[in-house]
Amino acid sequence: METSAIGIDLGGTNVRAGLVRKGKVVHSSAGRIAGLNSESEVLDSICAAIEAVWQDGLSGIGIGVPSIVDPKRGIVYDTVNIPSWKEVHLKDILEAKYNIPVWVNNDANCFALGEKYYGAGIECNTLAGVTIGTGLGTGIVLGGKLFNGAHCGAGERSLPSVRVTPGACHAGHRICL
């Protein structure tokens, strides 16, 4: 059997899982999460996504989360869009449940690495990948390698605020970031 892995994208409102073989997604799953749910309810949603694409003989699970991460220990800290996630030992939890290696990183970092190895950035040694969803993030690749910075926060921006004005703002728009 060919080596396969599962990639997970956790967002503020959705969780997506893909079974990846030879750099291609061969099966996928998506589900909603309620960011205001408890830590365990969000974990249950992640596990449901994993189990929807699971197959025996996997080499591991990689998960991108919209937060500051300790990638060596796989700990997720203070997830803005999931307030119950203050300090989640995600690597340990998933490795104990599935008995395979798990890697955890910031979602924008995962996006940038995906583009570097499988997408528009294949020919690039330096690139920035910007993610826009419930939040805003940037993953940075320098010299062909992911640049995490302190606590995986090198490309992280604060959550943008949106202002809807009754009339136009100073730039002539009704909705401003």
Protein backbone atom coordinates (compact mmCIF):
# COMPACT_ATOMS: atom_id res chain seq x y z
CA MET A 1 0.00 0.00 0.00
CA GLU A 2 1.19 3.52 -0.78
CA THR A 3 2.06 5.79 2.14
CA SER A 4 -0.74 8.20 2.94
CA ALA A 5 -1.29 10.90 5.55
CA ILE A 6 -4.16 13.07 6.74
CA GLY A 7 -4.02 16.85 6.58
CA ILE A 8 -6.40 18.88 8.74
CA ASP A 9 -7.31 22.55 8.39
CA LEU A 10 -9.01 23.88 11.52
CA GLY A 11 -10.63 27.27 11.13
CA GLY A 12 -12.84 29.41 13.29
CA THR A 13 -16.03 27.95 11.77
CA ASN A 14 -14.98 24.84 9.81
CA VAL A 15 -12.74 21.81 9.98
CA ARG A 16 -11.55 20.13 6.80
CA ALA A 17 -9.66 16.87 6.43
CA GLY A 18 -7.92 15.41 3.42
CA LEU A 19 -6.43 11.99 2.84
CA VAL A 20 -3.23 12.74 0.94
CA ARG A 21 -1.33 10.27 -1.22
CA LYS A 22 1.66 11.28 -3.37
CA GLY A 23 0.91 14.97 -2.78
CA LYS A 24 -2.70 14.70 -3.96
CA VAL A 25 -5.89 14.80 -1.92
CA VAL A 26 -7.69 11.54 -2.74
CA HIS A 27 -10.56 11.86 -0.25
CA SER A 28 -11.83 14.80 1.80
CA SER A 29 -14.29 15.72 4.49
CA ALA A 30 -15.59 19.03 5.80
CA GLY A 31 -17.70 19.97 8.79
CA ARG A 32 -18.80 22.99 10.74
CA ILE A 33 -17.53 23.79 14.20
CA ALA A 34 -18.94 26.22 16.65
CA GLY A 35 -16.04 28.30 17.88
CA LEU A 36 -17.90 28.95 21.12
CA ASN A 37 -18.10 25.23 21.88
CA SER A 38 -16.05 23.63 24.64
CA GLU A 39 -12.54 22.36 24.05
CA SER A 40 -13.76 18.76 23.95
CA GLU A 41 -16.61 19.54 21.51
CA VAL A 42 -14.15 21.12 19.07
CA LEU A 43 -11.83 18.12 19.50
CA ASP A 44 -14.80 15.83 18.74
CA SER A 45 -15.35 17.74 15.47
CA ILE A 46 -11.68 17.32 14.54
CA CYS A 47 -11.84 13.59 15.31
CA ALA A 48 -15.01 13.20 13.21
CA ALA A 49 -13.21 14.82 10.26
CA ILE A 50 -10.19 12.53 10.73
CA GLU A 51 -12.36 9.42 10.97
CA ALA A 52 -14.27 10.38 7.80
CA VAL A 53 -11.06 10.02 5.75
CA TRP A 54 -9.20 7.45 7.88
CA GLN A 55 -7.55 4.40 6.37
CA ASP A 56 -5.21 1.88 7.92
CA GLY A 57 -1.47 2.28 7.44
CA LEU A 58 -1.28 6.07 7.62
CA SER A 59 2.13 7.66 8.15
CA GLY A 60 0.75 10.53 10.25
CA ILE A 61 -1.57 13.47 10.71
CA GLY A 62 -0.69 17.12 10.12
CA ILE A 63 -2.98 19.81 11.46
CA GLY A 64 -2.97 23.55 10.86
CA VAL A 65 -4.67 25.66 13.50
CA PRO A 66 -5.51 29.38 13.51
CA SER A 67 -3.37 30.19 16.51
CA ILE A 68 0.03 30.54 18.09
CA VAL A 69 1.59 27.08 18.39
CA ASP A 70 4.55 25.36 19.99
CA PRO A 71 5.31 23.13 16.97
CA LYS A 72 7.83 20.92 18.80
CA ARG A 73 5.39 19.99 21.55
CA GLY A 74 2.21 20.42 19.50
CA ILE A 75 0.56 22.77 21.98
CA VAL A 76 -2.00 25.31 20.74
CA TYR A 77 -2.34 28.56 22.68
CA ASP A 78 -5.11 31.18 22.92
CA THR A 79 -7.08 30.52 19.74
CA VAL A 80 -8.95 33.78 19.08
CA ASN A 81 -11.86 32.23 17.17
CA ILE A 82 -12.17 29.27 19.56
CA PRO A 83 -12.13 30.92 23.01
CA SER A 84 -12.17 27.62 24.93
CA TRP A 85 -8.77 26.75 23.45
CA LYS A 86 -6.38 28.43 25.89
CA GLU A 87 -3.73 25.67 26.03
CA VAL A 88 -4.55 22.51 24.11
CA HIS A 89 -1.95 19.72 23.96
CA LEU A 90 -3.26 18.71 20.54
CA LYS A 91 -0.31 16.56 19.46
CA ASP A 92 -0.48 14.44 22.62
CA ILE A 93 -4.28 14.10 22.43
CA LEU A 94 -4.33 12.97 18.80
CA GLU A 95 -1.28 10.71 19.08
CA ALA A 96 -2.84 8.95 22.07
CA LYS A 97 -6.14 8.48 20.22
CA TYR A 98 -4.82 7.38 16.81
CA ASN A 99 -1.38 5.92 17.67
CA ILE A 100 0.41 7.62 14.76
CA PRO A 101 2.69 10.69 14.60
CA VAL A 102 1.00 14.10 14.63
CA TRP A 103 2.43 17.46 13.60
CA VAL A 104 0.79 20.74 14.62
CA ASN A 105 1.52 24.16 13.17
CA ASN A 106 -0.17 27.46 12.44
CA ASP A 107 -2.66 27.19 9.56
CA ALA A 108 -1.07 29.97 7.49
CA ASN A 109 2.33 28.29 7.88
CA CYS A 110 0.82 25.03 6.62
CA PHE A 111 -0.70 26.88 3.67
CA ALA A 112 2.65 28.49 2.76
CA LEU A 113 4.44 25.12 2.95
CA GLY A 114 1.75 23.53 0.79
CA GLU A 115 2.26 26.21 -1.85
CA LYS A 116 6.05 25.78 -1.62
CA TYR A 117 6.00 22.03 -2.17
CA TYR A 118 2.83 21.42 -4.21
CA GLY A 119 1.46 24.72 -5.52
CA ALA A 120 2.34 28.08 -7.01
CA GLY A 121 5.55 28.39 -4.94
CA ILE A 122 7.38 25.30 -6.22
CA GLU A 123 9.96 27.43 -8.02
CA CYS A 124 10.33 29.90 -5.12
CA ASN A 125 12.82 29.83 -2.26
CA THR A 126 11.16 32.81 -0.60
CA LEU A 127 7.42 33.38 -0.42
CA ALA A 128 4.61 34.60 1.78
CA GLY A 129 1.21 32.91 1.74
CA VAL A 130 -1.71 34.96 3.02
CA THR A 131 -4.85 33.29 4.35
CA ILE A 132 -8.14 35.13 4.62
CA GLY A 133 -11.02 33.45 6.43
CA THR A 134 -12.52 34.01 9.83
CA GLY A 135 -9.16 35.65 10.56
CA LEU A 136 -6.10 36.78 8.63
CA GLY A 137 -2.72 35.03 8.65
CA THR A 138 0.56 34.87 6.78
CA GLY A 139 3.01 31.99 6.44
CA ILE A 140 6.58 32.82 5.47
CA VAL A 141 9.12 30.63 3.64
CA LEU A 142 12.71 31.94 3.57
CA GLY A 143 15.53 30.13 1.82
CA GLY A 144 13.19 27.23 1.08
CA LYS A 145 12.35 26.67 4.75
CA LEU A 146 9.44 27.67 6.93
CA PHE A 147 10.20 30.72 9.07
CA ASN A 148 8.24 30.25 12.30
CA GLY A 149 9.58 33.13 14.34
CA ALA A 150 8.79 33.09 18.05
CA HIS A 151 5.95 30.68 18.88
CA CYS A 152 5.00 30.24 15.20
CA GLY A 153 3.95 33.87 15.10
CA ALA A 154 6.27 35.28 12.42
CA GLY A 155 3.51 36.08 9.94
CA GLU A 156 0.61 36.49 12.32
CA ARG A 157 -1.39 39.66 12.31
CA SER A 158 -3.97 40.66 14.81
CA LEU A 159 -7.58 39.82 14.04
CA PRO A 160 -8.79 42.55 11.70
CA SER A 161 -11.61 44.73 12.91
CA VAL A 162 -14.42 45.50 10.54
CA ARG A 163 -16.27 48.80 10.69
CA VAL A 164 -19.51 49.32 8.84
CA THR A 165 -20.26 53.01 8.54
CA PRO A 166 -23.66 54.59 7.85
CA GLY A 167 -22.07 56.59 5.05
CA ALA A 168 -18.76 56.25 3.33
CA CYS A 169 -15.53 56.20 5.37
CA HIS A 170 -12.62 58.55 4.69
CA ALA A 171 -11.61 56.35 1.74
CA GLY A 172 -15.12 56.32 0.27
CA HIS A 173 -16.10 52.81 1.44
CA ARG A 174 -18.95 51.61 3.66
CA ILE A 175 -17.04 48.59 5.03
CA CYS A 176 -13.46 49.06 6.21
CA LEU A 177 -10.85 46.67 7.58
